[in-house]
């Protein structure tokens, strides 16, 4: 019988194998994700340093607070929404991070001036840029994990 659709049986089987490998090697998977999260946080910090910088003047009452770049961190390893999917994230602890990321209206003395500062989308751009590197690293990790299971 001829078929003009895609046969995804092999892809589904491969996905099932990948999940079984990740489940059988949780320590390796956790170590891999922590390493990848660190890479993502470093790349995000570098982009933030380029686009936002650290040599801007801060008000005197914020003189001792860290710059936006210094608040970008790697999160902890966790299971995404309680499922079997493992995850890690990069985030900023700065209270104004969402303003830099998504943009904001300029306010003066509590009144909006009507001017909008567009967001820099630092985390989003870095995530998209990092996706191909992560995919390549994931393939290497799976090859190593499969090789370890074979021995």
Protein backbone atom coordinates (compact mmCIF):
# COMPACT_ATOMS: atom_id res chain seq x y z
CA UNK A 1 0.00 0.00 0.00
CA UNK A 2 1.39 3.39 -0.96
CA UNK A 3 1.63 6.14 1.59
CA UNK A 4 2.01 9.83 0.87
CA UNK A 5 2.40 10.83 4.53
CA UNK A 6 5.37 10.72 6.86
CA UNK A 7 6.18 7.56 8.75
CA UNK A 8 7.22 8.62 12.24
CA UNK A 9 7.45 5.14 13.75
CA UNK A 10 11.25 5.17 13.76
CA UNK A 11 11.32 8.64 15.31
CA UNK A 12 8.89 7.56 18.03
CA UNK A 13 11.01 4.46 18.75
CA UNK A 14 14.16 6.60 18.90
CA UNK A 15 12.45 9.03 21.29
CA UNK A 16 11.42 6.14 23.53
CA UNK A 17 15.02 4.92 23.54
CA UNK A 18 16.27 8.38 24.46
CA UNK A 19 13.85 8.62 27.37
CA UNK A 20 14.89 5.18 28.61
CA UNK A 21 18.58 6.16 28.39
CA UNK A 22 17.95 9.37 30.31
CA UNK A 23 16.00 7.49 32.98
CA UNK A 24 18.69 4.84 33.34
CA UNK A 25 21.43 7.42 33.72
CA UNK A 26 19.93 10.17 35.92
CA UNK A 27 23.26 11.26 37.38
CA UNK A 28 24.76 11.70 33.93
CA UNK A 29 21.68 13.56 32.72
CA UNK A 30 21.71 15.87 35.73
CA UNK A 31 25.41 16.59 35.28
CA UNK A 32 24.88 17.27 31.57
CA UNK A 33 21.98 19.67 32.23
CA UNK A 34 23.92 21.55 34.91
CA UNK A 35 26.81 21.99 32.48
CA UNK A 36 24.48 23.18 29.71
CA UNK A 37 22.72 25.56 32.11
CA UNK A 38 26.06 27.07 33.04
CA UNK A 39 26.88 27.57 29.35
CA UNK A 40 23.52 29.24 28.78
CA UNK A 41 23.97 31.56 31.77
CA UNK A 42 27.46 32.55 30.58
CA UNK A 43 26.20 33.31 27.09
CA UNK A 44 23.29 35.29 28.52
CA UNK A 45 25.66 37.31 30.73
CA UNK A 46 27.91 38.05 27.77
CA UNK A 47 24.96 39.27 25.67
CA UNK A 48 23.66 41.36 28.57
CA UNK A 49 27.09 42.91 29.05
CA UNK A 50 27.22 43.81 25.35
CA UNK A 51 23.68 45.17 25.12
CA UNK A 52 23.10 46.68 28.58
CA UNK A 53 26.63 47.16 29.88
CA UNK A 54 27.92 47.81 33.38
CA UNK A 55 29.41 51.28 33.07
CA UNK A 56 26.21 53.29 33.42
CA UNK A 57 25.66 55.72 36.26
CA UNK A 58 23.49 54.45 39.11
CA UNK A 59 21.64 56.60 41.63
CA UNK A 60 23.45 56.97 44.96
CA UNK A 61 20.93 54.84 46.86
CA UNK A 62 21.68 51.91 44.50
CA UNK A 63 25.46 52.37 44.50
CA UNK A 64 26.09 49.12 46.40
CA UNK A 65 23.63 46.99 44.41
CA UNK A 66 24.91 44.70 41.66
CA UNK A 67 24.52 45.54 37.99
CA UNK A 68 21.91 43.72 35.93
CA UNK A 69 24.61 41.53 34.36
CA UNK A 70 25.75 40.31 37.79
CA UNK A 71 22.25 39.10 38.69
CA UNK A 72 22.05 36.52 35.86
CA UNK A 73 22.36 33.02 37.30
CA UNK A 74 21.91 29.37 36.46
CA UNK A 75 18.94 27.72 38.16
CA UNK A 76 18.68 24.38 39.84
CA UNK A 77 17.98 21.09 38.12
CA UNK A 78 14.28 20.20 38.32
CA UNK A 79 11.61 18.02 36.75
CA UNK A 80 9.45 20.12 34.43
CA UNK A 81 5.91 20.41 35.82
CA UNK A 82 6.34 17.25 37.86
CA UNK A 83 6.76 15.04 34.79
CA UNK A 84 9.74 12.89 33.81
CA UNK A 85 11.20 15.74 31.72
CA UNK A 86 14.36 17.18 33.24
CA UNK A 87 15.04 20.91 32.97
CA UNK A 88 17.28 23.76 34.05
CA UNK A 89 17.06 27.51 33.46
CA UNK A 90 18.99 30.73 33.42
CA UNK A 91 17.34 33.71 35.12
CA UNK A 92 17.94 37.14 36.60
CA UNK A 93 17.34 38.09 40.22
CA UNK A 94 17.23 41.80 39.43
CA UNK A 95 13.90 43.42 40.31
CA UNK A 96 14.02 45.43 37.07
CA UNK A 97 14.97 42.51 34.79
CA UNK A 98 11.51 42.32 33.22
CA UNK A 99 11.76 46.00 32.24
CA UNK A 100 15.03 45.43 30.41
CA UNK A 101 13.81 42.20 28.86
CA UNK A 102 10.36 43.28 27.64
CA UNK A 103 10.50 47.09 27.57
CA UNK A 104 8.62 49.75 29.53
CA UNK A 105 7.02 53.17 29.43
CA UNK A 106 9.17 56.02 30.69
CA UNK A 107 7.67 57.64 33.76
CA UNK A 108 8.59 60.94 35.32
CA UNK A 109 7.29 61.89 38.76
CA UNK A 110 4.66 59.14 38.59
CA UNK A 111 3.30 60.34 35.24
CA UNK A 112 3.80 58.48 31.97
CA UNK A 113 5.64 60.50 29.33
CA UNK A 114 4.20 58.36 26.54
CA UNK A 115 7.63 57.21 25.40
CA UNK A 116 8.25 53.48 25.23
CA UNK A 117 11.69 51.92 25.63
CA UNK A 118 11.67 48.66 23.63
CA UNK A 119 12.86 45.51 25.36
CA UNK A 120 16.25 44.02 24.67
CA UNK A 121 14.95 40.40 24.74
CA UNK A 122 18.31 39.21 26.01
CA UNK A 123 17.14 35.86 27.37
CA UNK A 124 15.00 35.11 24.32
CA UNK A 125 17.73 35.93 21.78
CA UNK A 126 20.29 33.92 23.72
CA UNK A 127 17.91 30.97 24.00
CA UNK A 128 17.34 30.93 20.23
CA UNK A 129 21.06 31.29 19.56
CA UNK A 130 21.93 28.53 22.04
CA UNK A 131 19.38 26.01 20.67
CA UNK A 132 21.64 24.65 17.93
CA UNK A 133 24.61 24.30 20.28
CA UNK A 134 22.40 22.54 22.82
CA UNK A 135 21.13 20.12 20.16
CA UNK A 136 24.69 19.23 19.16
CA UNK A 137 25.73 18.78 22.80
CA UNK A 138 22.66 16.61 23.40
CA UNK A 139 23.60 14.34 20.52
CA UNK A 140 27.11 13.95 21.95
CA UNK A 141 25.66 13.22 25.40
CA UNK A 142 23.33 10.57 24.00
CA UNK A 143 26.17 8.93 22.08
CA UNK A 144 28.24 8.80 25.26
CA UNK A 145 25.31 7.50 27.32
CA UNK A 146 24.51 4.80 24.76
CA UNK A 147 28.16 3.80 24.61
CA UNK A 148 28.23 3.53 28.40
CA UNK A 149 25.10 1.35 28.38
CA UNK A 150 26.64 -0.98 25.78
CA UNK A 151 29.65 -1.68 28.01
